[in-house]
Amino acid sequence: MAEVQLLGGVDIRELASRLDVTPTKKLGQNFVTDPNTIRRIVNAAKLNGIETVVEIGPGLGSLTLGLLEVAKKVIAVEIDPKMAAELESTIAKRAPGTDFTLVRNDALKVTELPDAPDALVANLPYNISVPVLLHFLEHFPSLQTGLVLVQAEVAHRLAAAPGSKIYGVPSVKLAWYADSALAGNVGRNIFWPVPNVDSALVYFSKRAIPLGDEALRLATFEVADAAFGQRRKTLRQALAVWAGSPADAERILIAAGVSPQARGEELDVHQFVSIAKVK
């Protein structure tokens, strides 16, 4: 296999200029322009070289090339027609002999891929980062690990533990599927255009034993949505509509071994599961 040639800042701007592509806030696009940062991101993904990796929103291919240095196969999902058209050419020139497949589609609509992915690694579009991550975890149970680059605020929310003010629905829903942890910060100056927010990495590893089936997942997510929909209220009050009444909520909570006076931010995913099971 020939050596993979990563893209630098000059390469990315030249490509974008030739394609008349301008990164848009609407699509949440920010391109990583530093090869050393790309390699740091790939290293943080803890790939062992035998994975089929799915990448969401590859853009001009910076991270894609970095992944192809390590992964067995990369499947990239790109919605932008201009960048999708150029991406295959870029990979052919800079990573000849590697196993790469492009899927031209909206990531939020993708429910099938050419191969079952083992890992998800992506610089996620800022405006859909949480929905697209949860969408892929729901539809691709083959995923075992992942690393996502997102807004720092979102990263901290995803990896938050019970008891913190930033712990909420995204934290619980990711915890249903996987254990997660922050995996480092990424400076603003390596992006083009330079974003006005900080970015951070979140690494996740799939639970060895699932917490339940699809019906229980949906029920658990309903409980979490209700609990954090009125996060300042006690669960007796916050779950009243979901349960039928405050009295019903109290009965369910007591049966699940959870204090009716607790608040959603105090519960871990296992306690949300227990509540869902009682109803």
Foldseek 3Di string as FASTA:
>chain_A
DDAFDAAAQVRVVVLCVVLVHDDDLVQLDKDQHDLVVLLVLLVLQVAQAEWEEEEEACQQNRNVSNNQNRHQEYEYEHADPSSLVCNVVSCCVRPNPGHYHYHHDDLLPDLDDPDQGQEYEYAHRAVCVLVSVLSCVVRRVNHFKYKYKYFPLVQCQCQPDFPDPSDALNVLSSVQFWHKDWRAWDDQVSIVPRDPTTMTMMMTGGDPDGPDDPVLSVLLSVLRCQLRVCQVAFQLVSCQVVQVHSVSSCVLCVQLVHHSRHGSSNDHNNSSSSSSVSD
